[in-house]
PDB file of all heavy atoms in Angstrom:
ATOM      1  N   ASP A   1     -25.477 -45.666  39.857  1.00  0.00           N
ATOM      2  CA  ASP A   1     -26.166 -44.991  40.961  1.00  0.00           C
ATOM      3  C   ASP A   1     -25.132 -44.222  41.838  1.00  0.00           C
ATOM      4  O   ASP A   1     -25.520 -43.073  42.385  1.00  0.00           O
ATOM      5  CB  ASP A   1     -26.841 -46.027  41.916  1.00  0.00           C
ATOM      6  CG  ASP A   1     -27.935 -46.735  41.195  1.00  0.00           C
ATOM      7  OD1 ASP A   1     -28.400 -46.238  40.177  1.00  0.00           O
ATOM      8  OD2 ASP A   1     -28.357 -47.851  41.663  1.00  0.00           O
ATOM      9  N   LEU A   2     -23.943 -44.635  41.930  1.00  0.00           N
ATOM     10  CA  LEU A   2     -22.940 -43.919  42.699  1.00  0.00           C
ATOM     11  C   LEU A   2     -22.609 -42.515  42.111  1.00  0.00           C
ATOM     12  O   LEU A   2     -22.596 -41.533  42.805  1.00  0.00           O
ATOM     13  CB  LEU A   2     -21.677 -44.736  42.861  1.00  0.00           C
ATOM     14  CG  LEU A   2     -21.786 -46.063  43.654  1.00  0.00           C
ATOM     15  CD1 LEU A   2     -20.439 -46.796  43.625  1.00  0.00           C
ATOM     16  CD2 LEU A   2     -22.158 -45.751  45.066  1.00  0.00           C
ATOM     17  N   SER A   3     -22.421 -42.543  40.761  1.00  0.00           N
ATOM     18  CA  SER A   3     -22.083 -41.256  40.141  1.00  0.00           C
ATOM     19  C   SER A   3     -23.307 -40.381  40.062  1.00  0.00           C
ATOM     20  O   SER A   3     -23.209 -39.122  40.182  1.00  0.00           O
ATOM     21  CB  SER A   3     -21.533 -41.505  38.724  1.00  0.00           C
ATOM     22  OG  SER A   3     -22.405 -42.338  37.987  1.00  0.00           O
ATOM     23  N   GLU A   4     -24.512 -40.933  39.922  1.00  0.00           N
ATOM     24  CA  GLU A   4     -25.719 -40.114  39.896  1.00  0.00           C
ATOM     25  C   GLU A   4     -25.919 -39.482  41.238  1.00  0.00           C
ATOM     26  O   GLU A   4     -26.283 -38.289  41.307  1.00  0.00           O
ATOM     27  CB  GLU A   4     -26.942 -41.005  39.508  1.00  0.00           C
ATOM     28  CG  GLU A   4     -26.919 -41.502  38.083  1.00  0.00           C
ATOM     29  CD  GLU A   4     -26.987 -40.352  37.080  1.00  0.00           C
ATOM     30  OE1 GLU A   4     -27.574 -39.293  37.413  1.00  0.00           O
ATOM     31  OE2 GLU A   4     -26.395 -40.520  35.960  1.00  0.00           O
ATOM     32  N   ALA A   5     -25.752 -40.229  42.350  1.00  0.00           N
ATOM     33  CA  ALA A   5     -25.848 -39.664  43.692  1.00  0.00           C
ATOM     34  C   ALA A   5     -24.835 -38.539  43.890  1.00  0.00           C
ATOM     35  O   ALA A   5     -25.120 -37.524  44.524  1.00  0.00           O
ATOM     36  CB  ALA A   5     -25.710 -40.738  44.680  1.00  0.00           C
ATOM     37  N   ALA A   6     -23.649 -38.746  43.355  1.00  0.00           N
ATOM     38  CA  ALA A   6     -22.608 -37.711  43.535  1.00  0.00           C
ATOM     39  C   ALA A   6     -22.959 -36.441  42.723  1.00  0.00           C
ATOM     40  O   ALA A   6     -22.754 -35.300  43.222  1.00  0.00           O
ATOM     41  CB  ALA A   6     -21.253 -38.251  42.984  1.00  0.00           C
ATOM     42  N   LYS A   7     -23.576 -36.628  41.575  1.00  0.00           N
ATOM     43  CA  LYS A   7     -24.010 -35.412  40.780  1.00  0.00           C
ATOM     44  C   LYS A   7     -25.070 -34.677  41.513  1.00  0.00           C
ATOM     45  O   LYS A   7     -25.119 -33.414  41.462  1.00  0.00           O
ATOM     46  CB  LYS A   7     -24.487 -35.878  39.407  1.00  0.00           C
ATOM     47  CG  LYS A   7     -23.341 -36.384  38.506  1.00  0.00           C
ATOM     48  CD  LYS A   7     -23.914 -36.826  37.137  1.00  0.00           C
ATOM     49  CE  LYS A   7     -22.824 -37.380  36.260  1.00  0.00           C
ATOM     50  NZ  LYS A   7     -23.344 -37.880  34.937  1.00  0.00           N
ATOM     51  N   ILE A   8     -26.027 -35.408  42.143  1.00  0.00           N
ATOM     52  CA  ILE A   8     -27.064 -34.765  42.939  1.00  0.00           C
ATOM     53  C   ILE A   8     -26.497 -33.959  44.077  1.00  0.00           C
ATOM     54  O   ILE A   8     -26.970 -32.854  44.440  1.00  0.00           O
ATOM     55  CB  ILE A   8     -28.043 -35.823  43.470  1.00  0.00           C
ATOM     56  CG1 ILE A   8     -28.827 -36.471  42.279  1.00  0.00           C
ATOM     57  CG2 ILE A   8     -29.021 -35.198  44.443  1.00  0.00           C
ATOM     58  CD1 ILE A   8     -29.699 -37.589  42.660  1.00  0.00           C
ATOM     59  N   ASP A   9     -25.340 -34.423  44.665  1.00  0.00           N
ATOM     60  CA  ASP A   9     -24.696 -33.752  45.732  1.00  0.00           C
ATOM     61  C   ASP A   9     -23.855 -32.539  45.209  1.00  0.00           C
ATOM     62  O   ASP A   9     -23.225 -31.847  46.021  1.00  0.00           O
ATOM     63  CB  ASP A   9     -23.776 -34.699  46.503  1.00  0.00           C
ATOM     64  CG  ASP A   9     -24.627 -35.660  47.344  1.00  0.00           C
ATOM     65  OD1 ASP A   9     -25.797 -35.387  47.605  1.00  0.00           O
ATOM     66  OD2 ASP A   9     -24.057 -36.749  47.670  1.00  0.00           O
ATOM     67  N   GLY A  10     -23.805 -32.378  43.935  1.00  0.00           N
ATOM     68  CA  GLY A  10     -23.120 -31.236  43.341  1.00  0.00           C
ATOM     69  C   GLY A  10     -21.668 -31.479  42.932  1.00  0.00           C
ATOM     70  O   GLY A  10     -20.973 -30.530  42.655  1.00  0.00           O
ATOM     71  N   LEU A  11     -21.291 -32.734  42.848  1.00  0.00           N
ATOM     72  CA  LEU A  11     -19.906 -33.034  42.485  1.00  0.00           C
ATOM     73  C   LEU A  11     -19.788 -32.994  40.959  1.00  0.00           C
ATOM     74  O   LEU A  11     -20.687 -33.486  40.252  1.00  0.00           O
ATOM     75  CB  LEU A  11     -19.466 -34.395  43.023  1.00  0.00           C
ATOM     76  CG  LEU A  11     -19.417 -34.593  44.533  1.00  0.00           C
ATOM     77  CD1 LEU A  11     -18.877 -35.938  44.880  1.00  0.00           C
ATOM     78  CD2 LEU A  11     -18.583 -33.511  45.173  1.00  0.00           C
ATOM     79  N   GLY A  12     -18.657 -32.459  40.471  1.00  0.00           N
ATOM     80  CA  GLY A  12     -18.386 -32.487  39.049  1.00  0.00           C
ATOM     81  C   GLY A  12     -17.638 -33.747  38.664  1.00  0.00           C
ATOM     82  O   GLY A  12     -17.376 -34.609  39.498  1.00  0.00           O
ATOM     83  N   HIS A  13     -17.342 -33.872  37.372  1.00  0.00           N
ATOM     84  CA  HIS A  13     -16.751 -35.103  36.826  1.00  0.00           C
ATOM     85  C   HIS A  13     -15.363 -35.337  37.501  1.00  0.00           C
ATOM     86  O   HIS A  13     -15.068 -36.523  37.822  1.00  0.00           O
ATOM     87  CB  HIS A  13     -16.572 -35.016  35.328  1.00  0.00           C
ATOM     88  CG  HIS A  13     -17.870 -35.126  34.631  1.00  0.00           C
ATOM     89  ND1 HIS A  13     -18.709 -36.211  34.718  1.00  0.00           N
ATOM     90  CD2 HIS A  13     -18.491 -34.237  33.733  1.00  0.00           C
ATOM     91  CE1 HIS A  13     -19.766 -36.031  33.925  1.00  0.00           C
ATOM     92  NE2 HIS A  13     -19.688 -34.841  33.384  1.00  0.00           N
ATOM     93  N   TRP A  14     -14.542 -34.355  37.685  1.00  0.00           N
ATOM     94  CA  TRP A  14     -13.265 -34.519  38.280  1.00  0.00           C
ATOM     95  C   TRP A  14     -13.361 -35.070  39.717  1.00  0.00           C
ATOM     96  O   TRP A  14     -12.578 -35.967  40.048  1.00  0.00           O
ATOM     97  CB  TRP A  14     -12.420 -33.245  38.235  1.00  0.00           C
ATOM     98  CG  TRP A  14     -11.804 -32.935  36.944  1.00  0.00           C
ATOM     99  CD1 TRP A  14     -12.185 -31.969  36.026  1.00  0.00           C
ATOM    100  CD2 TRP A  14     -10.687 -33.641  36.321  1.00  0.00           C
ATOM    101  NE1 TRP A  14     -11.384 -32.047  34.925  1.00  0.00           N
ATOM    102  CE2 TRP A  14     -10.464 -33.027  35.072  1.00  0.00           C
ATOM    103  CE3 TRP A  14      -9.871 -34.653  36.746  1.00  0.00           C
ATOM    104  CZ2 TRP A  14      -9.453 -33.456  34.212  1.00  0.00           C
ATOM    105  CZ3 TRP A  14      -8.878 -35.101  35.904  1.00  0.00           C
ATOM    106  CH2 TRP A  14      -8.665 -34.528  34.655  1.00  0.00           C
ATOM    107  N   LYS A  15     -14.234 -34.471  40.490  1.00  0.00           N
ATOM    108  CA  LYS A  15     -14.395 -34.907  41.902  1.00  0.00           C
ATOM    109  C   LYS A  15     -14.968 -36.359  41.935  1.00  0.00           C
ATOM    110  O   LYS A  15     -14.607 -37.115  42.814  1.00  0.00           O
ATOM    111  CB  LYS A  15     -15.238 -33.940  42.681  1.00  0.00           C
ATOM    112  CG  LYS A  15     -14.504 -32.646  42.994  1.00  0.00           C
ATOM    113  CD  LYS A  15     -15.312 -31.821  44.001  1.00  0.00           C
ATOM    114  CE  LYS A  15     -14.524 -30.580  44.413  1.00  0.00           C
ATOM    115  NZ  LYS A  15     -15.251 -29.752  45.393  1.00  0.00           N
ATOM    116  N   ILE A  16     -15.875 -36.634  41.001  1.00  0.00           N
ATOM    117  CA  ILE A  16     -16.430 -38.011  40.970  1.00  0.00           C
ATOM    118  C   ILE A  16     -15.304 -39.007  40.603  1.00  0.00           C
ATOM    119  O   ILE A  16     -15.258 -40.082  41.233  1.00  0.00           O
ATOM    120  CB  ILE A  16     -17.561 -38.078  39.918  1.00  0.00           C
ATOM    121  CG1 ILE A  16     -18.765 -37.270  40.364  1.00  0.00           C
ATOM    122  CG2 ILE A  16     -17.972 -39.540  39.664  1.00  0.00           C
ATOM    123  CD1 ILE A  16     -19.845 -37.162  39.326  1.00  0.00           C
ATOM    124  N   LEU A  17     -14.456 -38.662  39.666  1.00  0.00           N
ATOM    125  CA  LEU A  17     -13.324 -39.521  39.327  1.00  0.00           C
ATOM    126  C   LEU A  17     -12.430 -39.723  40.521  1.00  0.00           C
ATOM    127  O   LEU A  17     -12.033 -40.869  40.802  1.00  0.00           O
ATOM    128  CB  LEU A  17     -12.603 -38.969  38.154  1.00  0.00           C
ATOM    129  CG  LEU A  17     -11.291 -39.669  37.746  1.00  0.00           C
ATOM    130  CD1 LEU A  17     -11.534 -41.047  37.267  1.00  0.00           C
ATOM    131  CD2 LEU A  17     -10.555 -38.813  36.662  1.00  0.00           C
ATOM    132  N   LEU A  18     -12.088 -38.632  41.193  1.00  0.00           N
ATOM    133  CA  LEU A  18     -11.087 -38.704  42.304  1.00  0.00           C
ATOM    134  C   LEU A  18     -11.638 -39.305  43.569  1.00  0.00           C
ATOM    135  O   LEU A  18     -10.921 -40.041  44.255  1.00  0.00           O
ATOM    136  CB  LEU A  18     -10.586 -37.274  42.616  1.00  0.00           C
ATOM    137  CG  LEU A  18      -9.747 -36.596  41.490  1.00  0.00           C
ATOM    138  CD1 LEU A  18      -9.434 -35.189  41.857  1.00  0.00           C
ATOM    139  CD2 LEU A  18      -8.435 -37.363  41.230  1.00  0.00           C
ATOM    140  N   THR A  19     -12.942 -39.126  43.875  1.00  0.00           N
ATOM    141  CA  THR A  19     -13.462 -39.577  45.110  1.00  0.00           C
ATOM    142  C   THR A  19     -14.224 -40.909  45.058  1.00  0.00           C
ATOM    143  O   THR A  19     -14.435 -41.542  46.089  1.00  0.00           O
ATOM    144  CB  THR A  19     -14.421 -38.460  45.740  1.00  0.00           C
ATOM    145  OG1 THR A  19     -15.508 -38.248  44.804  1.00  0.00           O
ATOM    146  CG2 THR A  19     -13.649 -37.174  45.995  1.00  0.00           C
ATOM    147  N   ILE A  20     -14.672 -41.257  43.862  1.00  0.00           N
ATOM    148  CA  ILE A  20     -15.444 -42.513  43.722  1.00  0.00           C
ATOM    149  C   ILE A  20     -14.735 -43.543  42.840  1.00  0.00           C
ATOM    150  O   ILE A  20     -14.461 -44.660  43.283  1.00  0.00           O
ATOM    151  CB  ILE A  20     -16.869 -42.186  43.162  1.00  0.00           C
ATOM    152  CG1 ILE A  20     -17.657 -41.275  44.103  1.00  0.00           C
ATOM    153  CG2 ILE A  20     -17.604 -43.520  42.935  1.00  0.00           C
ATOM    154  CD1 ILE A  20     -18.994 -40.925  43.627  1.00  0.00           C
ATOM    155  N   PHE A  21     -14.464 -43.166  41.631  1.00  0.00           N
ATOM    156  CA  PHE A  21     -13.961 -44.173  40.693  1.00  0.00           C
ATOM    157  C   PHE A  21     -12.517 -44.642  40.974  1.00  0.00           C
ATOM    158  O   PHE A  21     -12.287 -45.882  40.976  1.00  0.00           O
ATOM    159  CB  PHE A  21     -14.046 -43.588  39.228  1.00  0.00           C
ATOM    160  CG  PHE A  21     -15.358 -43.667  38.653  1.00  0.00           C
ATOM    161  CD1 PHE A  21     -16.354 -42.761  39.043  1.00  0.00           C
ATOM    162  CD2 PHE A  21     -15.717 -44.595  37.678  1.00  0.00           C
ATOM    163  CE1 PHE A  21     -17.640 -42.828  38.467  1.00  0.00           C
ATOM    164  CE2 PHE A  21     -16.966 -44.678  37.132  1.00  0.00           C
ATOM    165  CZ  PHE A  21     -17.935 -43.772  37.533  1.00  0.00           C
ATOM    166  N   ILE A  22     -11.627 -43.733  41.284  1.00  0.00           N
ATOM    167  CA  ILE A  22     -10.279 -44.158  41.532  1.00  0.00           C
ATOM    168  C   ILE A  22     -10.179 -44.942  42.828  1.00  0.00           C
ATOM    169  O   ILE A  22      -9.506 -46.042  42.828  1.00  0.00           O
ATOM    170  CB  ILE A  22      -9.311 -42.933  41.568  1.00  0.00           C
ATOM    171  CG1 ILE A  22      -9.172 -42.351  40.172  1.00  0.00           C
ATOM    172  CG2 ILE A  22      -7.941 -43.310  42.143  1.00  0.00           C
ATOM    173  CD1 ILE A  22      -8.264 -41.175  40.096  1.00  0.00           C
ATOM    174  N   PRO A  23     -10.825 -44.555  43.958  1.00  0.00           N
ATOM    175  CA  PRO A  23     -10.748 -45.441  45.161  1.00  0.00           C
ATOM    176  C   PRO A  23     -11.346 -46.808  44.919  1.00  0.00           C
ATOM    177  O   PRO A  23     -10.892 -47.793  45.587  1.00  0.00           O
ATOM    178  CB  PRO A  23     -11.569 -44.625  46.174  1.00  0.00           C
ATOM    179  CG  PRO A  23     -11.475 -43.238  45.765  1.00  0.00           C
ATOM    180  CD  PRO A  23     -11.452 -43.276  44.263  1.00  0.00           C
ATOM    181  N   LEU A  24     -12.326 -46.946  44.061  1.00  0.00           N
ATOM    182  CA  LEU A  24     -12.961 -48.273  43.805  1.00  0.00           C
ATOM    183  C   LEU A  24     -12.190 -49.073  42.734  1.00  0.00           C
ATOM    184  O   LEU A  24     -12.548 -50.221  42.485  1.00  0.00           O
ATOM    185  CB  LEU A  24     -14.395 -48.051  43.363  1.00  0.00           C
ATOM    186  CG  LEU A  24     -15.376 -47.539  44.368  1.00  0.00           C
ATOM    187  CD1 LEU A  24     -16.747 -47.320  43.752  1.00  0.00           C
ATOM    188  CD2 LEU A  24     -15.496 -48.482  45.612  1.00  0.00           C
ATOM    189  N   SER A  25     -11.150 -48.477  42.138  1.00  0.00           N
ATOM    190  CA  SER A  25     -10.502 -49.119  41.021  1.00  0.00           C
ATOM    191  C   SER A  25      -9.107 -49.669  41.333  1.00  0.00           C
ATOM    192  O   SER A  25      -8.312 -49.826  40.468  1.00  0.00           O
ATOM    193  CB  SER A  25     -10.366 -48.145  39.843  1.00  0.00           C
ATOM    194  OG  SER A  25     -11.638 -47.639  39.477  1.00  0.00           O
ATOM    195  N   GLY A  26      -8.865 -50.012  42.607  1.00  0.00           N
ATOM    196  CA  GLY A  26      -7.609 -50.528  43.023  1.00  0.00           C
ATOM    197  C   GLY A  26      -7.149 -51.749  42.249  1.00  0.00           C
ATOM    198  O   GLY A  26      -6.019 -51.755  41.762  1.00  0.00           O
ATOM    199  N   PRO A  27      -8.017 -52.775  42.052  1.00  0.00           N
ATOM    200  CA  PRO A  27      -7.609 -53.922  41.257  1.00  0.00           C
ATOM    201  C   PRO A  27      -7.166 -53.594  39.840  1.00  0.00           C
ATOM    202  O   PRO A  27      -6.158 -54.121  39.357  1.00  0.00           O
ATOM    203  CB  PRO A  27      -8.830 -54.842  41.348  1.00  0.00           C
ATOM    204  CG  PRO A  27      -9.542 -54.468  42.538  1.00  0.00           C
ATOM    205  CD  PRO A  27      -9.340 -52.953  42.679  1.00  0.00           C
ATOM    206  N   ALA A  28      -7.975 -52.729  39.190  1.00  0.00           N
ATOM    207  CA  ALA A  28      -7.688 -52.440  37.773  1.00  0.00           C
ATOM    208  C   ALA A  28      -6.391 -51.582  37.694  1.00  0.00           C
ATOM    209  O   ALA A  28      -5.598 -51.767  36.786  1.00  0.00           O
ATOM    210  CB  ALA A  28      -8.886 -51.683  37.168  1.00  0.00           C
ATOM    211  N   ILE A  29      -6.257 -50.633  38.641  1.00  0.00           N
ATOM    212  CA  ILE A  29      -5.035 -49.820  38.630  1.00  0.00           C
ATOM    213  C   ILE A  29      -3.806 -50.712  38.922  1.00  0.00           C
ATOM    214  O   ILE A  29      -2.752 -50.537  38.309  1.00  0.00           O
ATOM    215  CB  ILE A  29      -5.158 -48.714  39.650  1.00  0.00           C
ATOM    216  CG1 ILE A  29      -6.239 -47.738  39.176  1.00  0.00           C
ATOM    217  CG2 ILE A  29      -3.844 -47.957  39.812  1.00  0.00           C
ATOM    218  CD1 ILE A  29      -6.564 -46.643  40.210  1.00  0.00           C
ATOM    219  N   ALA A  30      -3.913 -51.654  39.891  1.00  0.00           N
ATOM    220  CA  ALA A  30      -2.825 -52.524  40.180  1.00  0.00           C
ATOM    221  C   ALA A  30      -2.487 -53.371  38.948  1.00  0.00           C
ATOM    222  O   ALA A  30      -1.268 -53.646  38.647  1.00  0.00           O
ATOM    223  CB  ALA A  30      -3.146 -53.418  41.334  1.00  0.00           C
TER     224      ALA A  30
END
């Protein structure tokens, strides 16, 4: 739902990755 909402707002894949997925992935990145 988060990525779908971002697409509706006009965000592309790169912006979705940078603004949604990476900030939410702190534990996996660590």
